[in-house]
Amino acid sequence: MEKTKREALKKELLAGKPKAVTLKAAEQKKADAYAEDYKTFLSAAKTEREAVKLAVAAAKKAGFVPFEAGKKYKAGDKVYSVNREKAVILATIGKKPLSDGVSLAIAHIDSPRLDLKPNPLYEKDGFAYFDTHYYGGIKKYQWATIPLALYGVVVKQDGTTVDVKIGDDPRDPVFVVTDLLIHLSGERMQMKASEVIDGEHLDLLIGSRPLDDSEEADLIKLNVMKLLNDKYGITEADFRCAELEAVPAGNARDVGFDRSLIGSYGHDDRVCAYPALTALLSLKTPTFTAVTVLTDKEETGSAGVSGMRGAYLQNFLADLAAPYGIELRHVLSRSLCLSADVNAGYDPLYPEQTETRNCSVLGGGVVLTKYTGARGKSGTSDASAELMGKFRSIMDAEDVAWQIGELGKVDGGGGGTIAQFIADLDVDTVDLGVPVLCMHAPFEVVAKTDVYMAHKAFAALLARKA
């Protein structure tokens, strides 16, 4: 066979290896502009509470109003419902009845971090500390010697709530987890990486100056508490009714001479949450009711009232359908869902954990993931061939650059997403997300092209005709 015919046959029949896509200049300009807006969001949405605030503000600006259970809505109406300040559902009512199902884009807005314990404040040998308990899967050593900010809420004895946000304003102090100097670390350097810094050593250094020069105990701790009382009106007992999270300080930044990448804390999974939000906000009256859910608690198993194993999504859809006499099960069984979460991008410096024929690459577009899980696909919904075919058609029809990806080699590790919990509701669900380097690290990396393609992917789903 002639070489030209052979090459044509290869192009027609073979899929080829994963590779970065090249956008035309005009579309690349759009992608870069979209990335700037995403960076602004990411720099401000350091916690799930902050992400909800930003999402609601943007929704209100786009004409969304609070959802009212029992009310009949017409096509084009836009509503939102906040769940305990840590999750939010937004919906644009479609032309078709709810009995034909809805289009769901669901992403999580929590990220690995250090949470303060209920009794966090203590003094030891000339320093004051906040005791923490890490949240989600982390490499503990990565969280030492980096500047940390503190976000959250404190409920005072009188029932009022105080917002805390310290460390990202240039005028603010920051906090740090200390580490032993290299000169004295001979024994420690022989330890396993998981043991170099113990979980109980992930405590924030927060002060060293005593209240005065008397010889009484805990004067550094008292000085810190006085400063907090002066600013927020709180006492140490109020920490028992608080949610305070230590997260990396600093803004999202461009990475590389060509500025093709974005480095930041919290890409997992706000890099999917933001496109799922903007896709809905830019949507006009859809054929099917379009729903975006920004959820909490994914990093710890999705349990709890603000996680996807809770009932708040079902309750919302049931309340939306009830005025029309439509049962929830009929809505769910005819719905389509993109469970949005990041996937492991191929890292050429660590190829040994990757199966290159089935991995995703940065710049290659969004990743459709048929199954996640570990140890024989444990903990996955495993999308059917028919469902993969349907989403392939949806993506291709809107010129969305997409690729296939798995989370590493078989028996190499693995991980789960919320897809299994949505599929348990009898909703056809597949994972879609953005490939990321340094996942779960304080500074993760994604490609601008992929962020833009995530927006296009969610827009394609929410605007689908069939």
Protein backbone atom coordinates (compact mmCIF):
# COMPACT_ATOMS: atom_id res chain seq x y z
CA MET A 1 0.00 0.00 0.00
CA GLU A 2 1.25 3.46 -0.89
CA LYS A 3 2.44 5.68 1.97
CA THR A 4 -0.18 8.36 1.29
CA LYS A 5 -2.99 5.80 1.40
CA ARG A 6 -1.54 4.24 4.51
CA GLU A 7 -1.37 7.61 6.24
CA ALA A 8 -4.95 8.38 5.23
CA LEU A 9 -6.06 5.03 6.62
CA LYS A 10 -4.26 5.70 9.90
CA LYS A 11 -5.98 9.05 10.20
CA GLU A 12 -9.36 7.48 9.52
CA LEU A 13 -9.07 4.40 11.73
CA LEU A 14 -6.57 5.07 14.52
CA ALA A 15 -7.20 7.33 17.52
CA GLY A 16 -3.61 8.39 18.06
CA LYS A 17 -1.82 9.20 21.29
CA PRO A 18 -3.04 11.89 23.71
CA LYS A 19 -1.57 15.28 22.82
CA ALA A 20 -2.11 18.96 23.37
CA VAL A 21 -4.49 20.71 21.00
CA THR A 22 -3.66 23.87 19.05
CA LEU A 23 -6.42 26.44 18.94
CA LYS A 24 -6.84 29.04 16.25
CA ALA A 25 -5.62 32.47 17.30
CA ALA A 26 -9.10 33.92 17.86
CA GLU A 27 -10.24 31.04 20.05
CA GLN A 28 -6.96 30.97 21.97
CA LYS A 29 -7.53 34.63 22.76
CA LYS A 30 -10.97 33.73 24.14
CA ALA A 31 -9.45 30.91 26.19
CA ASP A 32 -6.80 33.21 27.67
CA ALA A 33 -9.38 35.87 28.52
CA TYR A 34 -11.57 33.25 30.20
CA ALA A 35 -8.55 32.07 32.19
CA GLU A 36 -8.05 35.57 33.59
CA ASP A 37 -11.60 35.59 34.96
CA TYR A 38 -11.03 32.13 36.40
CA LYS A 39 -7.84 33.26 38.13
CA THR A 40 -9.74 36.13 39.76
CA PHE A 41 -12.38 33.69 41.03
CA LEU A 42 -9.81 31.17 42.24
CA SER A 43 -7.80 33.78 44.12
CA ALA A 44 -10.91 34.81 46.06
CA ALA A 45 -12.70 31.45 46.46
CA LYS A 46 -10.22 29.91 48.90
CA THR A 47 -12.89 27.92 50.77
CA GLU A 48 -16.30 26.43 50.03
CA ARG A 49 -18.01 29.30 51.88
CA GLU A 50 -16.17 31.93 49.84
CA ALA A 51 -16.96 30.05 46.61
CA VAL A 52 -20.67 30.03 47.47
CA LYS A 53 -20.64 33.77 48.18
CA LEU A 54 -19.01 34.50 44.83
CA ALA A 55 -21.35 32.14 42.95
CA VAL A 56 -24.46 33.70 44.50
CA ALA A 57 -23.25 37.23 43.77
CA ALA A 58 -22.61 36.31 40.12
CA ALA A 59 -25.98 34.53 39.91
CA LYS A 60 -27.87 37.54 41.25
CA LYS A 61 -26.12 39.75 38.73
CA ALA A 62 -27.26 37.35 35.98
CA GLY A 63 -30.90 37.55 37.12
CA PHE A 64 -31.17 34.52 39.39
CA VAL A 65 -33.53 34.75 42.37
CA PRO A 66 -33.94 32.59 45.51
CA PHE A 67 -35.86 29.38 44.87
CA GLU A 68 -39.36 29.10 46.37
CA ALA A 69 -40.66 25.59 47.02
CA GLY A 70 -44.19 25.07 45.76
CA LYS A 71 -43.99 27.77 43.11
CA LYS A 72 -44.55 27.00 39.43
CA TYR A 73 -41.77 28.29 37.23
CA LYS A 74 -41.83 28.97 33.50
CA ALA A 75 -39.20 28.38 30.86
CA GLY A 76 -36.33 30.83 31.23
CA ASP A 77 -36.78 31.44 34.96
CA LYS A 78 -33.54 31.41 36.93
CA VAL A 79 -33.35 30.29 40.58
CA TYR A 80 -30.78 29.34 43.19
CA SER A 81 -30.81 27.62 46.57
CA VAL A 82 -28.00 27.84 49.14
CA ASN A 83 -27.39 24.87 51.42
CA ARG A 84 -25.97 25.91 54.80
CA GLU A 85 -23.63 28.46 53.22
CA LYS A 86 -21.35 25.67 51.93
CA ALA A 87 -23.12 24.41 48.80
CA VAL A 88 -25.41 25.94 46.21
CA ILE A 89 -27.78 24.75 43.49
CA LEU A 90 -28.56 26.97 40.51
CA ALA A 91 -31.14 26.20 37.83
CA THR A 92 -32.51 27.68 34.62
CA ILE A 93 -35.93 26.27 33.79
CA GLY A 94 -36.17 24.60 30.40
CA LYS A 95 -38.85 24.33 27.73
CA LYS A 96 -39.45 20.62 28.23
CA PRO A 97 -41.32 19.34 31.30
CA LEU A 98 -39.29 18.09 34.23
CA SER A 99 -40.63 14.59 33.54
CA ASP A 100 -38.21 14.56 30.57
CA GLY A 101 -35.30 14.94 33.00
CA VAL A 102 -32.77 17.69 33.65
CA SER A 103 -29.18 18.39 32.68
CA LEU A 104 -26.87 18.30 35.73
CA ALA A 105 -23.37 19.70 36.08
CA ILE A 106 -22.02 18.94 39.56
CA ALA A 107 -18.62 19.98 40.91
CA HIS A 108 -17.19 20.24 44.40
CA ILE A 109 -15.82 23.44 45.93
CA ASP A 110 -13.98 22.02 48.94
CA SER A 111 -10.24 21.39 48.72
CA PRO A 112 -7.59 19.77 50.95
CA ARG A 113 -6.56 22.08 53.78
CA LEU A 114 -5.78 22.32 57.50
CA ASP A 115 -8.80 22.73 59.79
CA LEU A 116 -8.45 24.17 63.27
CA LYS A 117 -9.40 21.77 66.05
CA PRO A 118 -12.26 22.76 68.42
CA ASN A 119 -9.72 23.75 71.11
CA PRO A 120 -6.90 25.01 68.88
CA LEU A 121 -5.03 27.67 70.83
CA TYR A 122 -2.02 26.74 72.95
CA GLU A 123 1.35 28.10 74.05
CA LYS A 124 4.59 26.13 74.14
CA ASP A 125 8.13 27.26 75.00
CA GLY A 126 7.84 30.82 73.76
CA PHE A 127 5.41 30.41 70.86
CA ALA A 128 1.64 30.39 70.38
CA TYR A 129 0.08 27.86 68.01
CA PHE A 130 -3.20 26.80 66.47
CA ASP A 131 -3.65 23.00 66.58
CA THR A 132 -5.03 21.59 63.31
CA HIS A 133 -6.50 18.45 61.80
CA TYR A 134 -5.85 18.06 58.08
CA TYR A 135 -8.83 17.77 55.73
CA GLY A 136 -8.65 15.50 52.69
CA GLY A 137 -5.72 13.59 51.24
CA ILE A 138 -2.45 15.50 51.46
CA LYS A 139 1.30 14.97 51.49
CA LYS A 140 1.83 16.48 54.92
CA TYR A 141 5.39 17.63 54.23
CA GLN A 142 4.13 19.90 51.42
CA TRP A 143 2.27 22.06 53.94
CA ALA A 144 5.31 23.08 55.98
CA THR A 145 7.26 26.33 55.45
CA ILE A 146 4.69 27.95 53.14
CA PRO A 147 2.64 31.07 53.97
CA LEU A 148 -0.87 30.18 55.07
CA ALA A 149 -4.04 32.25 55.33
CA LEU A 150 -6.97 31.68 57.68
CA TYR A 151 -10.61 31.72 56.53
CA GLY A 152 -13.89 30.80 58.15
CA VAL A 153 -16.57 31.73 60.65
CA VAL A 154 -16.88 31.90 64.42
CA VAL A 155 -20.24 31.80 66.18
CA LYS A 156 -20.09 33.83 69.39
CA GLN A 157 -21.94 33.07 72.61
CA ASP A 158 -24.69 35.56 71.73
CA GLY A 159 -25.36 33.67 68.49
CA THR A 160 -23.86 36.20 66.11
CA THR A 161 -21.49 35.00 63.40
CA VAL A 162 -18.13 36.59 62.67
CA ASP A 163 -16.36 36.15 59.33
CA VAL A 164 -12.61 35.61 59.55
CA LYS A 165 -10.33 36.29 56.60
CA ILE A 166 -6.63 36.83 57.36
CA GLY A 167 -3.57 36.37 55.19
CA ASP A 168 -4.39 37.29 51.60
CA ASP A 169 -4.51 41.06 51.97
CA PRO A 170 -0.93 42.36 51.55
CA ARG A 171 -1.31 44.18 54.88
CA ASP A 172 -2.23 40.97 56.74
CA PRO A 173 0.09 38.66 58.61
CA VAL A 174 0.36 35.06 57.46
CA PHE A 175 0.88 31.83 59.38
CA VAL A 176 3.23 28.89 58.93
CA VAL A 177 3.85 25.26 59.84
CA THR A 178 7.52 25.02 60.80
CA ASP A 179 9.97 22.31 59.77
CA LEU A 180 13.31 21.16 61.15
CA LEU A 181 16.39 22.70 59.55
CA ILE A 182 18.34 20.49 57.13
CA HIS A 183 21.45 20.67 59.35
CA LEU A 184 19.69 18.68 62.09
CA SER A 185 17.55 16.42 59.91
CA GLY A 186 19.90 13.49 59.34
CA GLU A 187 17.65 10.94 61.06
CA ARG A 188 14.46 12.51 59.79
CA MET A 189 15.66 12.38 56.18
CA GLN A 190 15.79 8.58 56.47
CA MET A 191 12.10 8.37 57.34
CA LYS A 192 9.25 7.61 54.95
CA ALA A 193 7.77 10.70 53.30
CA SER A 194 4.49 10.04 55.10
CA GLU A 195 6.30 10.16 58.44
CA VAL A 196 8.62 13.15 57.98
CA ILE A 197 5.96 15.45 59.39
CA ASP A 198 3.43 13.90 61.72
CA GLY A 199 -0.20 15.00 61.50
CA GLU A 200 0.00 16.36 65.05
CA HIS A 201 2.90 18.60 63.99
CA LEU A 202 0.83 20.45 61.38
CA ASP A 203 0.25 23.32 63.80
CA LEU A 204 0.23 26.97 62.81
CA LEU A 205 2.76 29.32 64.34
CA ILE A 206 0.67 32.38 65.25
CA GLY A 207 2.67 34.46 67.72
CA SER A 208 5.65 34.90 70.02
CA ARG A 209 5.14 38.15 71.93
CA PRO A 210 3.81 38.06 75.53
CA LEU A 211 1.12 40.45 76.71
CA ASP A 212 3.51 42.04 79.23
CA ASP A 213 6.73 41.34 81.12
CA SER A 214 5.21 39.55 84.09
CA GLU A 215 6.15 35.95 84.94
CA GLU A 216 2.67 34.45 84.59
CA ALA A 217 1.98 31.52 82.28
CA ASP A 218 0.31 31.69 78.84
CA LEU A 219 0.97 35.39 78.24
CA ILE A 220 1.73 34.83 74.54
CA LYS A 221 -1.50 32.91 74.16
CA LEU A 222 -3.30 35.66 76.07
CA ASN A 223 -1.82 38.34 73.83
CA VAL A 224 -3.01 36.50 70.71
CA MET A 225 -6.47 36.10 72.22
CA LYS A 226 -6.62 39.79 73.11
CA LEU A 227 -5.76 40.74 69.53
CA LEU A 228 -8.51 38.45 68.25
CA ASN A 229 -10.95 39.81 70.80
CA ASP A 230 -10.15 43.39 69.84
CA LYS A 231 -10.75 42.67 66.15
CA TYR A 232 -13.54 40.10 66.21
CA GLY A 233 -15.00 40.25 69.73
CA ILE A 234 -14.41 36.53 70.29
CA THR A 235 -13.13 34.53 73.24
CA GLU A 236 -11.26 31.23 73.35
CA ALA A 237 -14.48 29.37 74.16
CA ASP A 238 -15.94 30.56 70.85
CA PHE A 239 -13.48 28.37 68.92
CA ARG A 240 -15.65 25.41 69.91
CA CYS A 241 -18.35 26.83 67.65
CA ALA A 242 -16.14 27.76 64.71
CA GLU A 243 -15.09 26.56 61.28
CA LEU A 244 -11.63 27.95 60.53
CA GLU A 245 -9.53 26.69 57.64
CA ALA A 246 -5.85 27.30 56.92
CA VAL A 247 -5.17 27.49 53.19
CA PRO A 248 -2.16 28.61 51.13
CA ALA A 249 -1.87 32.39 50.95
CA GLY A 250 -1.45 34.15 47.62
CA ASN A 251 -3.17 34.51 44.27
CA ALA A 252 -3.42 32.29 41.21
CA ARG A 253 -0.46 32.93 38.88
CA ASP A 254 0.54 32.25 35.29
CA VAL A 255 3.15 29.51 34.94
CA GLY A 256 5.76 29.35 32.19
CA PHE A 257 7.33 31.87 29.83
CA ASP A 258 4.41 31.36 27.43
CA ARG A 259 1.83 31.84 30.23
CA SER A 260 -0.02 28.74 29.02
CA LEU A 261 -0.53 27.30 32.52
CA ILE A 262 -2.11 28.45 35.78
CA GLY A 263 -0.65 27.62 39.16
CA SER A 264 -2.72 27.95 42.31
CA TYR A 265 -4.18 26.33 45.37
CA GLY A 266 -7.65 24.86 44.89
CA HIS A 267 -7.81 23.85 41.22
CA ASP A 268 -9.24 20.59 42.61
CA ASP A 269 -12.08 21.13 42.05
CA ARG A 270 -12.82 24.79 41.52
CA VAL A 271 -11.33 24.43 38.04
CA CYS A 272 -14.49 22.47 37.23
CA ALA A 273 -16.82 24.41 39.53
CA TYR A 274 -16.15 27.77 37.89
CA PRO A 275 -16.81 26.55 34.30
CA ALA A 276 -19.94 24.71 35.47
CA LEU A 277 -21.12 28.00 37.00
CA THR A 278 -20.28 30.25 34.07
CA ALA A 279 -21.82 27.83 31.59
CA LEU A 280 -25.13 28.09 33.41
CA LEU A 281 -24.95 31.86 33.93
CA SER A 282 -24.41 32.43 30.21
CA LEU A 283 -27.21 30.04 29.20
CA LYS A 284 -30.41 31.35 27.67
CA THR A 285 -33.65 29.37 27.84
CA PRO A 286 -32.57 25.71 27.48
CA THR A 287 -34.51 22.78 26.09
CA PHE A 288 -34.10 20.79 29.32
CA THR A 289 -33.97 22.39 32.74
CA ALA A 290 -30.30 23.05 33.41
CA VAL A 291 -28.89 22.62 36.90
CA THR A 292 -25.43 23.37 38.27
CA VAL A 293 -24.55 22.11 41.74
CA LEU A 294 -21.49 23.33 43.65
CA THR A 295 -21.14 20.88 46.48
CA ASP A 296 -19.07 20.33 49.60
CA LYS A 297 -17.29 17.48 51.42
CA GLU A 298 -16.05 15.56 48.38
CA GLU A 299 -12.53 15.40 49.74
CA THR A 300 -13.73 13.48 52.80
CA GLY A 301 -16.23 11.15 51.13
CA SER A 302 -19.18 13.45 50.35
CA ALA A 303 -20.95 12.58 53.62
CA GLY A 304 -22.95 15.11 55.61
CA VAL A 305 -25.71 17.61 54.94
CA SER A 306 -23.65 19.66 52.46
CA GLY A 307 -22.13 16.66 50.62
CA MET A 308 -23.56 14.75 47.67
CA ARG A 309 -24.47 11.76 49.83
CA GLY A 310 -26.89 14.11 51.58
CA ALA A 311 -30.43 14.73 50.32
CA TYR A 312 -30.36 18.39 49.37
CA LEU A 313 -30.25 17.85 45.59
CA GLN A 314 -33.11 15.36 45.71
CA ASN A 315 -35.10 17.73 47.92
CA PHE A 316 -34.55 20.61 45.52
CA LEU A 317 -35.63 18.63 42.46
CA ALA A 318 -38.59 17.17 44.31
CA ASP A 319 -39.74 20.66 45.34
CA LEU A 320 -39.22 21.90 41.78
CA ALA A 321 -41.32 19.06 40.32
CA ALA A 322 -44.06 18.83 42.97
CA PRO A 323 -46.26 21.72 41.71
CA TYR A 324 -46.60 19.91 38.40
CA GLY A 325 -47.48 16.54 39.96
CA ILE A 326 -44.25 14.99 38.71
CA GLU A 327 -42.51 12.41 40.88
CA LEU A 328 -38.83 12.82 41.65
CA ARG A 329 -37.91 9.35 40.37
CA HIS A 330 -39.24 10.25 36.91
CA VAL A 331 -37.06 13.37 36.85
CA LEU A 332 -33.94 11.54 37.94
CA SER A 333 -34.24 8.50 35.69
CA ARG A 334 -34.38 10.67 32.56
CA SER A 335 -31.61 13.08 33.53
CA LEU A 336 -28.01 13.39 32.33
CA CYS A 337 -25.15 14.38 34.62
CA LEU A 338 -21.55 15.42 34.21
CA SER A 339 -19.83 14.67 37.49
CA ALA A 340 -17.11 17.28 37.31
CA ASP A 341 -13.77 16.54 38.89
CA VAL A 342 -10.11 16.81 37.95
CA ASN A 343 -8.01 13.96 36.62
CA ALA A 344 -4.29 13.25 36.82
CA GLY A 345 -2.43 14.89 33.97
CA TYR A 346 0.61 13.09 32.57
CA ASP A 347 3.83 14.34 34.16
CA PRO A 348 6.95 13.46 32.09
CA LEU A 349 9.09 13.62 35.24
CA TYR A 350 7.06 10.83 36.86
CA PRO A 351 6.00 8.52 34.02
CA GLU A 352 6.27 5.31 36.01
CA GLN A 353 2.79 5.66 37.57
CA THR A 354 1.04 6.41 34.28
CA GLU A 355 -0.29 4.15 31.55
CA THR A 356 0.35 6.45 28.61
CA ARG A 357 -2.31 5.09 26.25
CA ASN A 358 -5.05 5.90 28.78
CA CYS A 359 -3.88 9.06 30.48
CA SER A 360 -4.77 12.69 29.95
CA VAL A 361 -2.35 15.45 29.00
CA LEU A 362 -2.41 19.12 29.93
CA GLY A 363 -3.60 21.18 27.00
CA GLY A 364 -5.43 18.23 25.45
CA GLY A 365 -8.90 19.43 26.45
CA VAL A 366 -11.31 18.15 29.06
CA VAL A 367 -11.13 14.54 30.23
CA LEU A 368 -14.05 12.14 29.91
CA THR A 369 -13.47 9.38 32.46
CA LYS A 370 -15.54 6.22 32.03
CA TYR A 371 -14.68 4.96 35.51
CA THR A 372 -12.62 5.97 38.52
CA GLY A 373 -12.09 4.00 41.72
CA ALA A 374 -9.27 1.67 42.74
CA ARG A 375 -8.54 -2.01 43.28
CA GLY A 376 -10.70 -3.38 40.48
CA LYS A 377 -12.79 -0.24 39.88
CA SER A 378 -14.01 -0.21 43.48
CA GLY A 379 -15.99 2.95 44.23
CA THR A 380 -17.06 3.89 40.71
CA SER A 381 -20.27 4.03 38.70
CA ASP A 382 -18.55 2.99 35.40
CA ALA A 383 -20.49 4.79 32.66
CA SER A 384 -22.04 2.57 29.97
CA ALA A 385 -20.90 2.51 26.35
CA GLU A 386 -24.18 4.10 25.32
CA LEU A 387 -23.72 6.97 27.76
CA MET A 388 -20.12 7.54 26.64
CA GLY A 389 -21.39 7.62 23.06
CA LYS A 390 -24.04 10.19 23.95
CA PHE A 391 -21.54 12.52 25.59
CA ARG A 392 -19.13 12.01 22.72
CA SER A 393 -21.84 13.30 20.39
CA ILE A 394 -22.60 16.26 22.65
CA MET A 395 -18.92 17.26 22.87
CA ASP A 396 -18.18 16.79 19.18
CA ALA A 397 -21.27 18.73 18.09
CA GLU A 398 -19.99 21.82 19.93
CA ASP A 399 -16.34 21.41 18.92
CA VAL A 400 -15.17 20.66 22.46
CA ALA A 401 -11.63 19.32 22.63
CA TRP A 402 -11.79 16.24 24.85
CA GLN A 403 -9.70 13.22 25.71
CA ILE A 404 -9.91 10.00 27.69
CA GLY A 405 -8.11 9.58 30.99
CA GLU A 406 -7.61 7.23 33.91
CA LEU A 407 -6.16 8.04 37.32
CA GLY A 408 -2.87 6.16 36.93
CA LYS A 409 -1.92 2.56 36.33
CA VAL A 410 -4.00 -0.40 37.44
CA ASP A 411 -3.07 -1.09 41.09
CA GLY A 412 -1.04 2.12 41.07
CA GLY A 413 -3.43 3.95 43.38
CA GLY A 414 -6.65 5.54 42.20
CA GLY A 415 -9.40 7.69 43.62
CA GLY A 416 -13.13 8.34 43.53
CA THR A 417 -15.53 11.14 42.66
CA ILE A 418 -19.16 12.00 43.37
CA ALA A 419 -20.29 10.18 40.21
CA GLN A 420 -21.18 7.02 42.14
CA PHE A 421 -23.54 8.91 44.45
CA ILE A 422 -25.37 10.57 41.56
CA ALA A 423 -25.59 7.30 39.64
CA ASP A 424 -27.09 5.69 42.76
CA LEU A 425 -30.07 8.02 42.24
CA ASP A 426 -30.73 6.40 38.83
CA VAL A 427 -29.14 9.29 36.93
CA ASP A 428 -26.97 8.55 33.88
CA THR A 429 -23.63 9.98 34.99
CA VAL A 430 -20.11 10.25 33.61
CA ASP A 431 -17.03 12.00 34.98
CA LEU A 432 -15.64 14.98 33.14
CA GLY A 433 -12.90 17.30 34.30
CA VAL A 434 -9.64 19.11 33.77
CA PRO A 435 -6.23 17.38 33.88
CA VAL A 436 -4.00 18.71 36.65
CA LEU A 437 -0.40 18.38 37.79
CA CYS A 438 0.51 18.27 41.50
CA MET A 439 -3.04 17.30 42.51
CA HIS A 440 -3.81 17.94 46.20
CA ALA A 441 -0.63 19.99 46.62
CA PRO A 442 -0.73 23.57 47.91
CA PHE A 443 0.16 24.71 44.37
CA GLU A 444 -1.52 22.79 41.54
CA VAL A 445 -1.10 23.38 37.80
CA VAL A 446 -3.61 23.32 34.93
CA ALA A 447 -3.62 24.47 31.30
CA LYS A 448 -5.63 27.51 30.26
CA THR A 449 -6.90 25.72 27.16
CA ASP A 450 -8.41 22.96 29.30
CA VAL A 451 -10.19 25.42 31.60
CA TYR A 452 -11.83 27.06 28.59
CA MET A 453 -12.79 23.68 27.14
CA ALA A 454 -14.42 22.77 30.46
CA HIS A 455 -16.66 25.82 30.07
CA LYS A 456 -17.54 24.76 26.53
CA ALA A 457 -18.23 21.19 27.69
CA PHE A 458 -20.65 22.22 30.43
CA ALA A 459 -22.31 24.72 28.10
CA ALA A 460 -22.79 21.90 25.57
CA LEU A 461 -24.43 19.67 28.18
CA LEU A 462 -26.70 22.36 29.63
CA ALA A 463 -27.82 23.52 26.18
CA ARG A 464 -28.41 20.01 24.76
CA LYS A 465 -31.45 19.43 22.59
CA ALA A 466 -31.91 15.70 23.22
